[in-house]
Amino acid sequence: MSKELTTKLQGIIKKAGQTLPAQTGKVAAQQAKIDRRRGQAVILADVSDSMQDLVGENQRKIDILREAVAVARSKSSARLMVFSDQAREVESIPEPEANTNLTAGLKAALAHDPGVTLVISDGQPDRPDEALAIARQFRGVIDVLYIGPDSDLDAIAFMRRLAAAAGGGVTMNDVAKEDGARSLAGRIIGLLPLL
């Protein structure tokens, strides 16, 4: 290649480098996904009445969730929030109570501008359309860990819509079929940023 041609080519490359974005296409899309997950992590756990249901011989869903979340929080700096008729930040999973007001839970989590919100629930919320509207306001993603039965197709469909509304994913863990708290803790840990 002649020196004249090399010099022209170098000039074109230099000019292109000054006018083109540093990342385009798939690389930029992947970087946007990574950037969206930056920041605080929040575990938003369902503590509604349905969490009293027994799975197996004598263990309630809430007991499995309580044990799994305690293990997961020892490996993550995630905030722990719960929702039933109201939402609140807690140190550990309380006893089940009242309704499934996911809308209140999402509003409370949104106030912390999390990069990742992990919603753990076994069913459908009281007002699904309102919950989806709040989910669309999140800067970060909402990942969902569904811990109800595989047979509840309506609940699973809602959980998929919830995750999609905020760029997250859905993981299934039927606590009645899986290896209890150990399996659930592993899934929670896999979905949260670690310490």
N, C-alpha and C. Protein backbone atom coordinates (compact mmCIF):
# COMPACT_ATOMS: atom_id res chain seq x y z
N MET A 1 0.84 -1.16 0.00
CA MET A 1 0.00 0.00 0.00
C MET A 1 0.89 1.23 0.00
N SER A 2 0.54 2.20 -0.81
CA SER A 2 1.36 3.40 -0.91
C SER A 2 1.18 4.27 0.32
N LYS A 3 2.19 5.13 0.54
CA LYS A 3 2.16 6.01 1.69
C LYS A 3 0.99 6.98 1.58
N GLU A 4 0.69 7.44 0.38
CA GLU A 4 -0.40 8.38 0.16
C GLU A 4 -1.74 7.75 0.52
N LEU A 5 -1.97 6.51 0.11
CA LEU A 5 -3.20 5.79 0.40
C LEU A 5 -3.32 5.52 1.90
N THR A 6 -2.21 5.15 2.53
CA THR A 6 -2.20 4.89 3.98
C THR A 6 -2.56 6.14 4.75
N THR A 7 -2.01 7.28 4.36
CA THR A 7 -2.29 8.54 5.02
C THR A 7 -3.76 8.92 4.88
N LYS A 8 -4.35 8.74 3.68
CA LYS A 8 -5.79 9.03 3.48
C LYS A 8 -6.65 8.12 4.34
N LEU A 9 -6.30 6.84 4.39
CA LEU A 9 -7.05 5.87 5.18
C LEU A 9 -6.96 6.22 6.67
N GLN A 10 -5.81 6.61 7.14
CA GLN A 10 -5.65 7.00 8.54
C GLN A 10 -6.51 8.22 8.86
N GLY A 11 -6.59 9.16 7.92
CA GLY A 11 -7.41 10.35 8.10
C GLY A 11 -8.89 10.01 8.19
N ILE A 12 -9.33 9.07 7.37
CA ILE A 12 -10.74 8.64 7.40
C ILE A 12 -11.05 7.96 8.73
N ILE A 13 -10.17 7.10 9.17
CA ILE A 13 -10.38 6.39 10.43
C ILE A 13 -10.41 7.37 11.60
N LYS A 14 -9.49 8.35 11.59
CA LYS A 14 -9.45 9.34 12.66
C LYS A 14 -10.74 10.15 12.70
N LYS A 15 -11.22 10.57 11.53
CA LYS A 15 -12.45 11.36 11.45
C LYS A 15 -13.64 10.54 11.91
N ALA A 16 -13.70 9.29 11.50
CA ALA A 16 -14.81 8.42 11.91
C ALA A 16 -14.82 8.23 13.42
N GLY A 17 -13.65 8.10 14.01
CA GLY A 17 -13.55 7.93 15.45
C GLY A 17 -14.02 9.15 16.22
N GLN A 18 -13.96 10.31 15.60
CA GLN A 18 -14.40 11.54 16.26
C GLN A 18 -15.90 11.75 16.12
N THR A 19 -16.53 11.17 15.11
CA THR A 19 -17.94 11.43 14.87
C THR A 19 -18.87 10.29 15.23
N LEU A 20 -18.35 9.06 15.31
CA LEU A 20 -19.20 7.91 15.62
C LEU A 20 -19.25 7.67 17.13
N PRO A 21 -20.36 7.16 17.63
CA PRO A 21 -20.40 6.81 19.06
C PRO A 21 -19.41 5.69 19.35
N ALA A 22 -18.93 5.65 20.59
CA ALA A 22 -17.95 4.62 20.98
C ALA A 22 -18.56 3.23 20.92
N GLN A 23 -19.86 3.12 21.19
CA GLN A 23 -20.52 1.83 21.16
C GLN A 23 -21.78 1.93 20.31
N THR A 24 -22.03 0.92 19.53
CA THR A 24 -23.23 0.90 18.71
C THR A 24 -23.84 -0.49 18.76
N GLY A 25 -25.07 -0.60 18.35
CA GLY A 25 -25.72 -1.88 18.18
C GLY A 25 -25.78 -2.73 19.42
N LYS A 26 -25.39 -3.98 19.29
CA LYS A 26 -25.52 -4.96 20.36
C LYS A 26 -24.66 -4.61 21.57
N VAL A 27 -23.50 -4.06 21.35
CA VAL A 27 -22.63 -3.69 22.47
C VAL A 27 -23.30 -2.60 23.31
N ALA A 28 -23.85 -1.60 22.67
CA ALA A 28 -24.52 -0.51 23.39
C ALA A 28 -25.76 -1.03 24.12
N ALA A 29 -26.51 -1.93 23.49
CA ALA A 29 -27.70 -2.49 24.13
C ALA A 29 -27.32 -3.29 25.37
N GLN A 30 -26.26 -4.06 25.27
CA GLN A 30 -25.80 -4.84 26.41
C GLN A 30 -25.31 -3.93 27.52
N GLN A 31 -24.58 -2.87 27.17
CA GLN A 31 -24.10 -1.93 28.18
C GLN A 31 -25.27 -1.24 28.87
N ALA A 32 -26.32 -0.91 28.13
CA ALA A 32 -27.50 -0.29 28.73
C ALA A 32 -28.15 -1.23 29.75
N LYS A 33 -28.19 -2.53 29.45
CA LYS A 33 -28.74 -3.51 30.39
C LYS A 33 -27.90 -3.56 31.65
N ILE A 34 -26.59 -3.54 31.50
CA ILE A 34 -25.69 -3.58 32.65
C ILE A 34 -25.86 -2.31 33.49
N ASP A 35 -25.89 -1.15 32.83
CA ASP A 35 -26.03 0.12 33.53
C ASP A 35 -27.34 0.19 34.31
N ARG A 36 -28.41 -0.38 33.74
CA ARG A 36 -29.72 -0.32 34.38
C ARG A 36 -29.71 -1.06 35.72
N ARG A 37 -28.88 -2.07 35.86
CA ARG A 37 -28.82 -2.88 37.08
C ARG A 37 -27.90 -2.28 38.16
N ARG A 38 -27.26 -1.16 37.86
CA ARG A 38 -26.34 -0.55 38.84
C ARG A 38 -27.13 0.11 39.96
N GLY A 39 -26.57 0.00 41.15
CA GLY A 39 -27.18 0.67 42.30
C GLY A 39 -27.73 -0.31 43.32
N GLN A 40 -28.47 0.23 44.22
CA GLN A 40 -29.08 -0.50 45.34
C GLN A 40 -29.90 -1.70 44.87
N ALA A 41 -29.88 -2.77 45.65
CA ALA A 41 -30.74 -3.93 45.41
C ALA A 41 -31.79 -3.99 46.52
N VAL A 42 -33.02 -4.33 46.13
CA VAL A 42 -34.12 -4.45 47.08
C VAL A 42 -34.78 -5.80 46.90
N ILE A 43 -34.96 -6.52 48.00
CA ILE A 43 -35.80 -7.71 48.00
C ILE A 43 -37.17 -7.24 48.45
N LEU A 44 -38.19 -7.50 47.64
CA LEU A 44 -39.56 -7.11 47.95
C LEU A 44 -40.38 -8.39 48.07
N ALA A 45 -40.64 -8.80 49.31
CA ALA A 45 -41.23 -10.11 49.59
C ALA A 45 -42.72 -10.01 49.94
N ASP A 46 -43.48 -10.93 49.40
CA ASP A 46 -44.91 -11.07 49.66
C ASP A 46 -45.10 -11.73 51.02
N VAL A 47 -45.79 -11.06 51.93
CA VAL A 47 -46.13 -11.64 53.23
C VAL A 47 -47.64 -11.63 53.44
N SER A 48 -48.38 -11.83 52.36
CA SER A 48 -49.84 -11.85 52.45
C SER A 48 -50.31 -13.17 53.06
N ASP A 49 -51.61 -13.29 53.34
CA ASP A 49 -52.20 -14.47 53.98
C ASP A 49 -51.85 -15.78 53.30
N SER A 50 -51.75 -15.77 51.96
CA SER A 50 -51.48 -17.02 51.25
C SER A 50 -50.13 -17.62 51.61
N MET A 51 -49.25 -16.84 52.18
CA MET A 51 -47.93 -17.34 52.57
C MET A 51 -48.00 -18.24 53.82
N GLN A 52 -49.18 -18.34 54.44
CA GLN A 52 -49.37 -19.26 55.56
C GLN A 52 -49.61 -20.69 55.09
N ASP A 53 -49.88 -20.88 53.80
CA ASP A 53 -50.19 -22.20 53.28
C ASP A 53 -49.06 -23.17 53.57
N LEU A 54 -49.44 -24.41 53.88
CA LEU A 54 -48.46 -25.45 54.13
C LEU A 54 -47.94 -26.02 52.83
N VAL A 55 -46.65 -26.32 52.81
CA VAL A 55 -46.04 -27.05 51.70
C VAL A 55 -45.36 -28.26 52.33
N GLY A 56 -45.61 -29.39 51.79
CA GLY A 56 -45.08 -30.61 52.40
C GLY A 56 -45.87 -30.96 53.65
N GLU A 57 -45.22 -31.59 54.58
CA GLU A 57 -45.87 -32.10 55.79
C GLU A 57 -46.28 -31.00 56.77
N ASN A 58 -45.35 -30.14 57.14
CA ASN A 58 -45.65 -29.19 58.20
C ASN A 58 -44.88 -27.88 58.09
N GLN A 59 -44.48 -27.52 56.91
CA GLN A 59 -43.73 -26.27 56.75
C GLN A 59 -44.56 -25.29 55.93
N ARG A 60 -44.64 -24.07 56.42
CA ARG A 60 -45.38 -23.04 55.71
C ARG A 60 -44.46 -22.33 54.71
N LYS A 61 -45.08 -21.76 53.67
CA LYS A 61 -44.30 -20.99 52.68
C LYS A 61 -43.51 -19.88 53.37
N ILE A 62 -44.12 -19.20 54.32
CA ILE A 62 -43.46 -18.06 54.98
C ILE A 62 -42.21 -18.52 55.71
N ASP A 63 -42.23 -19.73 56.30
CA ASP A 63 -41.06 -20.23 57.02
C ASP A 63 -39.91 -20.52 56.06
N ILE A 64 -40.24 -21.08 54.91
CA ILE A 64 -39.23 -21.35 53.88
C ILE A 64 -38.64 -20.02 53.39
N LEU A 65 -39.53 -19.06 53.12
CA LEU A 65 -39.08 -17.74 52.65
C LEU A 65 -38.21 -17.07 53.69
N ARG A 66 -38.61 -17.11 54.95
CA ARG A 66 -37.85 -16.47 56.03
C ARG A 66 -36.42 -17.02 56.10
N GLU A 67 -36.31 -18.34 56.07
CA GLU A 67 -34.99 -18.97 56.14
C GLU A 67 -34.15 -18.64 54.91
N ALA A 68 -34.75 -18.71 53.73
CA ALA A 68 -34.02 -18.45 52.49
C ALA A 68 -33.53 -17.01 52.41
N VAL A 69 -34.37 -16.07 52.80
CA VAL A 69 -33.99 -14.65 52.74
C VAL A 69 -32.87 -14.36 53.73
N ALA A 70 -32.91 -14.97 54.90
CA ALA A 70 -31.84 -14.76 55.88
C ALA A 70 -30.50 -15.22 55.32
N VAL A 71 -30.48 -16.37 54.68
CA VAL A 71 -29.24 -16.86 54.06
C VAL A 71 -28.78 -15.92 52.95
N ALA A 72 -29.70 -15.54 52.08
CA ALA A 72 -29.36 -14.68 50.94
C ALA A 72 -28.85 -13.31 51.39
N ARG A 73 -29.43 -12.76 52.42
CA ARG A 73 -29.01 -11.44 52.88
C ARG A 73 -27.63 -11.47 53.53
N SER A 74 -27.19 -12.63 53.97
CA SER A 74 -25.84 -12.72 54.52
C SER A 74 -24.79 -12.61 53.41
N LYS A 75 -25.21 -12.75 52.17
CA LYS A 75 -24.29 -12.69 51.03
C LYS A 75 -24.56 -11.48 50.12
N SER A 76 -25.50 -10.65 50.50
CA SER A 76 -25.87 -9.49 49.69
C SER A 76 -26.20 -8.32 50.60
N SER A 77 -26.01 -7.12 50.10
CA SER A 77 -26.36 -5.92 50.88
C SER A 77 -27.75 -5.41 50.54
N ALA A 78 -28.60 -6.26 49.98
CA ALA A 78 -29.94 -5.85 49.56
C ALA A 78 -30.78 -5.41 50.75
N ARG A 79 -31.57 -4.38 50.52
CA ARG A 79 -32.58 -3.95 51.49
C ARG A 79 -33.68 -4.99 51.48
N LEU A 80 -34.37 -5.17 52.58
CA LEU A 80 -35.49 -6.10 52.66
C LEU A 80 -36.77 -5.32 52.93
N MET A 81 -37.69 -5.43 52.00
CA MET A 81 -39.00 -4.81 52.15
C MET A 81 -40.04 -5.90 51.98
N VAL A 82 -41.17 -5.72 52.66
CA VAL A 82 -42.26 -6.69 52.55
C VAL A 82 -43.54 -5.94 52.18
N PHE A 83 -44.47 -6.69 51.61
CA PHE A 83 -45.77 -6.10 51.31
C PHE A 83 -46.88 -7.09 51.63
N SER A 84 -47.97 -6.55 52.11
CA SER A 84 -49.22 -7.26 52.32
C SER A 84 -50.29 -6.21 52.06
N ASP A 85 -50.99 -5.74 53.08
CA ASP A 85 -51.90 -4.61 52.84
C ASP A 85 -51.12 -3.30 52.76
N GLN A 86 -49.94 -3.27 53.39
CA GLN A 86 -49.04 -2.12 53.33
C GLN A 86 -47.62 -2.61 53.04
N ALA A 87 -46.74 -1.69 52.76
CA ALA A 87 -45.34 -2.04 52.51
C ALA A 87 -44.47 -1.40 53.57
N ARG A 88 -43.39 -2.08 53.90
CA ARG A 88 -42.46 -1.52 54.89
C ARG A 88 -41.11 -2.21 54.77
N GLU A 89 -40.07 -1.51 55.25
CA GLU A 89 -38.74 -2.09 55.30
C GLU A 89 -38.61 -2.83 56.63
N VAL A 90 -38.00 -4.01 56.59
CA VAL A 90 -37.88 -4.85 57.78
C VAL A 90 -36.48 -5.45 57.86
N GLU A 91 -36.14 -6.01 59.00
CA GLU A 91 -34.87 -6.72 59.17
C GLU A 91 -35.01 -8.20 58.88
N SER A 92 -36.22 -8.74 59.08
CA SER A 92 -36.48 -10.15 58.80
C SER A 92 -37.94 -10.31 58.36
N ILE A 93 -38.24 -11.46 57.78
CA ILE A 93 -39.58 -11.70 57.25
C ILE A 93 -40.57 -11.89 58.41
N PRO A 94 -41.63 -11.07 58.47
CA PRO A 94 -42.62 -11.20 59.54
C PRO A 94 -43.66 -12.28 59.23
N GLU A 95 -44.58 -12.46 60.13
CA GLU A 95 -45.68 -13.40 59.92
C GLU A 95 -46.62 -12.88 58.83
N PRO A 96 -47.29 -13.77 58.12
CA PRO A 96 -48.22 -13.35 57.06
C PRO A 96 -49.39 -12.54 57.61
N GLU A 97 -49.91 -11.67 56.74
CA GLU A 97 -51.02 -10.81 57.13
C GLU A 97 -51.74 -10.29 55.89
N ALA A 98 -53.01 -10.17 55.97
CA ALA A 98 -53.87 -9.41 55.05
C ALA A 98 -53.69 -9.69 53.56
N ASN A 99 -53.80 -8.65 52.78
CA ASN A 99 -53.92 -8.69 51.32
C ASN A 99 -52.57 -8.72 50.61
N THR A 100 -52.64 -8.63 49.26
CA THR A 100 -51.44 -8.64 48.42
C THR A 100 -51.36 -7.31 47.68
N ASN A 101 -50.98 -6.25 48.40
CA ASN A 101 -50.91 -4.91 47.83
C ASN A 101 -49.51 -4.68 47.25
N LEU A 102 -49.26 -5.31 46.11
CA LEU A 102 -47.97 -5.17 45.43
C LEU A 102 -47.74 -3.72 45.00
N THR A 103 -48.79 -3.01 44.69
CA THR A 103 -48.65 -1.60 44.29
C THR A 103 -47.94 -0.80 45.38
N ALA A 104 -48.36 -0.98 46.63
CA ALA A 104 -47.72 -0.28 47.74
C ALA A 104 -46.26 -0.72 47.87
N GLY A 105 -45.99 -2.00 47.69
CA GLY A 105 -44.63 -2.50 47.76
C GLY A 105 -43.74 -1.89 46.70
N LEU A 106 -44.24 -1.84 45.48
CA LEU A 106 -43.45 -1.27 44.39
C LEU A 106 -43.20 0.22 44.59
N LYS A 107 -44.20 0.94 45.08
CA LYS A 107 -44.01 2.38 45.36
C LYS A 107 -42.93 2.58 46.41
N ALA A 108 -42.95 1.75 47.46
CA ALA A 108 -41.94 1.87 48.51
C ALA A 108 -40.55 1.56 47.98
N ALA A 109 -40.43 0.54 47.16
CA ALA A 109 -39.13 0.19 46.58
C ALA A 109 -38.65 1.28 45.63
N LEU A 110 -39.55 1.81 44.81
CA LEU A 110 -39.22 2.83 43.83
C LEU A 110 -38.59 4.07 44.50
N ALA A 111 -39.00 4.36 45.71
CA ALA A 111 -38.47 5.52 46.44
C ALA A 111 -36.95 5.40 46.67
N HIS A 112 -36.40 4.19 46.62
CA HIS A 112 -34.96 3.97 46.82
C HIS A 112 -34.19 3.94 45.50
N ASP A 113 -34.86 4.09 44.37
CA ASP A 113 -34.25 4.06 43.04
C ASP A 113 -33.31 2.87 42.87
N PRO A 114 -33.82 1.66 43.09
CA PRO A 114 -32.93 0.49 43.03
C PRO A 114 -32.49 0.14 41.61
N GLY A 115 -31.33 -0.46 41.51
CA GLY A 115 -30.87 -1.01 40.24
C GLY A 115 -31.53 -2.34 39.97
N VAL A 116 -31.74 -3.12 41.06
CA VAL A 116 -32.41 -4.41 40.97
C VAL A 116 -33.44 -4.49 42.09
N THR A 117 -34.67 -4.79 41.72
CA THR A 117 -35.71 -5.10 42.69
C THR A 117 -36.11 -6.54 42.45
N LEU A 118 -36.00 -7.37 43.46
CA LEU A 118 -36.38 -8.77 43.35
C LEU A 118 -37.70 -8.97 44.07
N VAL A 119 -38.76 -9.17 43.29
CA VAL A 119 -40.09 -9.42 43.85
C VAL A 119 -40.23 -10.92 44.04
N ILE A 120 -40.53 -11.33 45.27
CA ILE A 120 -40.75 -12.74 45.59
C ILE A 120 -42.20 -12.89 46.00
N SER A 121 -42.96 -13.67 45.25
CA SER A 121 -44.39 -13.80 45.52
C SER A 121 -44.92 -15.14 45.06
N ASP A 122 -46.05 -15.54 45.64
CA ASP A 122 -46.69 -16.80 45.28
C ASP A 122 -48.00 -16.59 44.53
N GLY A 123 -48.32 -15.37 44.17
CA GLY A 123 -49.62 -15.17 43.53
C GLY A 123 -49.80 -13.84 42.87
N GLN A 124 -51.07 -13.51 42.69
CA GLN A 124 -51.43 -12.29 41.98
C GLN A 124 -51.72 -11.17 42.97
N PRO A 125 -51.41 -9.94 42.59
CA PRO A 125 -51.69 -8.81 43.48
C PRO A 125 -53.17 -8.40 43.42
N ASP A 126 -53.53 -7.56 44.37
CA ASP A 126 -54.91 -7.07 44.44
C ASP A 126 -55.29 -6.24 43.22
N ARG A 127 -54.41 -5.36 42.78
CA ARG A 127 -54.70 -4.45 41.65
C ARG A 127 -53.57 -4.56 40.63
N PRO A 128 -53.61 -5.58 39.77
CA PRO A 128 -52.48 -5.83 38.87
C PRO A 128 -52.16 -4.68 37.92
N ASP A 129 -53.18 -4.00 37.38
CA ASP A 129 -52.91 -2.91 36.44
C ASP A 129 -52.16 -1.76 37.10
N GLU A 130 -52.51 -1.45 38.35
CA GLU A 130 -51.80 -0.39 39.07
C GLU A 130 -50.35 -0.79 39.34
N ALA A 131 -50.14 -2.06 39.70
CA ALA A 131 -48.78 -2.55 39.96
C ALA A 131 -47.93 -2.45 38.69
N LEU A 132 -48.50 -2.81 37.55
CA LEU A 132 -47.75 -2.73 36.29
C LEU A 132 -47.41 -1.29 35.94
N ALA A 133 -48.34 -0.38 36.21
CA ALA A 133 -48.08 1.05 35.93
C ALA A 133 -46.91 1.57 36.76
N ILE A 134 -46.84 1.17 38.03
CA ILE A 134 -45.72 1.58 38.88
C ILE A 134 -44.42 0.93 38.38
N ALA A 135 -44.48 -0.34 38.00
CA ALA A 135 -43.28 -1.06 37.54
C ALA A 135 -42.65 -0.37 36.34
N ARG A 136 -43.44 0.21 35.48
CA ARG A 136 -42.92 0.89 34.29
C ARG A 136 -42.14 2.16 34.63
N GLN A 137 -42.26 2.64 35.86
CA GLN A 137 -41.55 3.85 36.28
C GLN A 137 -40.13 3.56 36.79
N PHE A 138 -39.79 2.31 36.98
CA PHE A 138 -38.48 1.96 37.54
C PHE A 138 -37.37 2.24 36.54
N ARG A 139 -36.28 2.85 37.03
CA ARG A 139 -35.07 3.01 36.24
C ARG A 139 -34.36 1.66 36.15
N GLY A 140 -34.30 0.98 37.27
CA GLY A 140 -33.67 -0.33 37.34
C GLY A 140 -34.63 -1.42 36.92
N VAL A 141 -34.16 -2.65 37.00
CA VAL A 141 -34.98 -3.80 36.58
C VAL A 141 -35.76 -4.36 37.75
N ILE A 142 -36.83 -5.05 37.42
CA ILE A 142 -37.57 -5.85 38.38
C ILE A 142 -37.45 -7.29 37.93
N ASP A 143 -36.76 -8.08 38.74
CA ASP A 143 -36.71 -9.52 38.54
C ASP A 143 -37.75 -10.13 39.46
N VAL A 144 -38.36 -11.21 39.01
CA VAL A 144 -39.42 -11.85 39.78
C VAL A 144 -39.00 -13.28 40.10
N LEU A 145 -39.20 -13.66 41.34
CA LEU A 145 -39.02 -15.04 41.77
C LEU A 145 -40.40 -15.53 42.20
N TYR A 146 -41.01 -16.33 41.34
CA TYR A 146 -42.35 -16.85 41.60
C TYR A 146 -42.23 -18.13 42.42
N ILE A 147 -42.85 -18.16 43.61
CA ILE A 147 -42.72 -19.31 44.49
C ILE A 147 -44.05 -20.03 44.69
N GLY A 148 -44.99 -19.80 43.78
CA GLY A 148 -46.27 -20.49 43.86
C GLY A 148 -46.26 -21.77 43.04
N PRO A 149 -47.43 -22.38 42.95
CA PRO A 149 -47.53 -23.65 42.22
C PRO A 149 -47.41 -23.45 40.71
N ASP A 150 -46.83 -24.43 40.05
CA ASP A 150 -46.70 -24.39 38.59
C ASP A 150 -48.05 -24.36 37.90
N SER A 151 -49.09 -24.76 38.59
CA SER A 151 -50.42 -24.85 37.99
C SER A 151 -51.17 -23.52 37.95
N ASP A 152 -50.71 -22.50 38.66
CA ASP A 152 -51.40 -21.20 38.68
C ASP A 152 -50.94 -20.36 37.50
N LEU A 153 -51.52 -20.65 36.35
CA LEU A 153 -51.10 -20.00 35.10
C LEU A 153 -51.38 -18.51 35.08
N ASP A 154 -52.45 -18.07 35.74
CA ASP A 154 -52.75 -16.63 35.78
C ASP A 154 -51.68 -15.87 36.57
N ALA A 155 -51.28 -16.44 37.70
CA ALA A 155 -50.24 -15.79 38.52
C ALA A 155 -48.92 -15.75 37.76
N ILE A 156 -48.58 -16.83 37.10
CA ILE A 156 -47.33 -16.88 36.33
C ILE A 156 -47.36 -15.86 35.20
N ALA A 157 -48.49 -15.76 34.52
CA ALA A 157 -48.61 -14.79 33.42
C ALA A 157 -48.45 -13.37 33.95
N PHE A 158 -49.04 -13.06 35.11
CA PHE A 158 -48.87 -11.72 35.68
C PHE A 158 -47.41 -11.46 36.03
N MET A 159 -46.76 -12.44 36.65
CA MET A 159 -45.36 -12.25 37.04
C MET A 159 -44.48 -11.99 35.82
N ARG A 160 -44.77 -12.65 34.73
CA ARG A 160 -44.02 -12.38 33.49
C ARG A 160 -44.26 -10.96 33.00
N ARG A 161 -45.50 -10.50 33.06
CA ARG A 161 -45.80 -9.12 32.64
C ARG A 161 -45.10 -8.11 33.55
N LEU A 162 -45.07 -8.41 34.85
CA LEU A 162 -44.41 -7.52 35.81
C LEU A 162 -42.93 -7.38 35.49
N ALA A 163 -42.26 -8.49 35.28
CA ALA A 163 -40.83 -8.46 34.97
C ALA A 163 -40.59 -7.73 33.65
N ALA A 164 -41.39 -8.00 32.65
CA ALA A 164 -41.23 -7.37 31.34
C ALA A 164 -41.44 -5.86 31.42
N ALA A 165 -42.31 -5.40 32.32
CA ALA A 165 -42.59 -3.97 32.45
C ALA A 165 -41.36 -3.18 32.88
N ALA A 166 -40.41 -3.86 33.54
CA ALA A 166 -39.21 -3.16 34.02
C ALA A 166 -37.93 -3.87 33.59
N GLY A 167 -37.96 -4.54 32.46
CA GLY A 167 -36.75 -5.10 31.87
C GLY A 167 -36.10 -6.24 32.62
N GLY A 168 -36.84 -6.91 33.48
CA GLY A 168 -36.28 -8.01 34.26
C GLY A 168 -36.65 -9.37 33.72
N GLY A 169 -36.41 -10.37 34.53
CA GLY A 169 -36.71 -11.74 34.14
C GLY A 169 -37.51 -12.44 35.23
N VAL A 170 -37.98 -13.64 34.91
CA VAL A 170 -38.78 -14.44 35.84
C VAL A 170 -38.05 -15.74 36.12
N THR A 171 -37.99 -16.11 37.38
CA THR A 171 -37.46 -17.39 37.81
C THR A 171 -38.56 -18.11 38.57
N MET A 172 -38.70 -19.38 38.33
CA MET A 172 -39.74 -20.18 38.97
C MET A 172 -39.12 -21.03 40.07
N ASN A 173 -39.82 -21.15 41.20
CA ASN A 173 -39.40 -22.03 42.28
C ASN A 173 -40.64 -22.43 43.05
N ASP A 174 -41.29 -23.51 42.64
CA ASP A 174 -42.45 -24.02 43.35
C ASP A 174 -41.95 -24.61 44.66
N VAL A 175 -42.13 -23.88 45.76
CA VAL A 175 -41.56 -24.30 47.03
C VAL A 175 -42.13 -25.62 47.52
N ALA A 176 -43.27 -26.03 46.99
CA ALA A 176 -43.83 -27.33 47.36
C ALA A 176 -43.06 -28.47 46.71
N LYS A 177 -42.41 -28.21 45.59
CA LYS A 177 -41.70 -29.26 44.86
C LYS A 177 -40.19 -29.20 45.01
N GLU A 178 -39.66 -28.02 45.27
CA GLU A 178 -38.21 -27.85 45.35
C GLU A 178 -37.69 -28.25 46.73
N ASP A 179 -36.42 -28.15 46.93
CA ASP A 179 -35.77 -28.53 48.17
C ASP A 179 -35.83 -27.39 49.18
N GLY A 180 -37.02 -26.90 49.46
CA GLY A 180 -37.26 -25.92 50.50
C GLY A 180 -36.40 -24.68 50.47
N ALA A 181 -35.99 -24.28 51.67
CA ALA A 181 -35.27 -23.02 51.85
C ALA A 181 -33.92 -23.01 51.15
N ARG A 182 -33.23 -24.13 51.13
CA ARG A 182 -31.91 -24.16 50.50
C ARG A 182 -31.99 -23.83 49.01
N SER A 183 -32.95 -24.44 48.33
CA SER A 183 -33.14 -24.18 46.90
C SER A 183 -33.55 -22.73 46.66
N LEU A 184 -34.47 -22.25 47.49
CA LEU A 184 -34.94 -20.88 47.34
C LEU A 184 -33.82 -19.88 47.62
N ALA A 185 -33.03 -20.13 48.66
CA ALA A 185 -31.90 -19.24 48.96
C ALA A 185 -30.93 -19.17 47.79
N GLY A 186 -30.65 -20.32 47.19
CA GLY A 186 -29.76 -20.34 46.02
C GLY A 186 -30.28 -19.52 44.88
N ARG A 187 -31.57 -19.58 44.65
CA ARG A 187 -32.16 -18.78 43.58
C ARG A 187 -32.11 -17.29 43.90
N ILE A 188 -32.40 -16.93 45.14
CA ILE A 188 -32.35 -15.52 45.53
C ILE A 188 -30.93 -14.98 45.36
N ILE A 189 -29.95 -15.73 45.86
CA ILE A 189 -28.55 -15.31 45.75
C ILE A 189 -28.15 -15.13 44.30
N GLY A 190 -28.61 -16.03 43.43
CA GLY A 190 -28.29 -15.95 42.01
C GLY A 190 -28.89 -14.74 41.31
N LEU A 191 -29.93 -14.16 41.91
CA LEU A 191 -30.61 -13.02 41.28
C LEU A 191 -30.18 -11.67 41.85
N LEU A 192 -29.38 -11.68 42.91
CA LEU A 192 -28.97 -10.43 43.54
C LEU A 192 -27.50 -10.16 43.33
N PRO A 193 -27.11 -8.88 43.29
CA PRO A 193 -25.68 -8.56 43.29
C PRO A 193 -25.09 -8.98 44.64
N LEU A 194 -23.93 -9.60 44.63
CA LEU A 194 -23.30 -10.08 45.86
C LEU A 194 -22.45 -9.00 46.49
N LEU A 195 -22.11 -9.21 47.75
CA LEU A 195 -21.28 -8.25 48.50
C LEU A 195 -19.94 -8.04 47.82
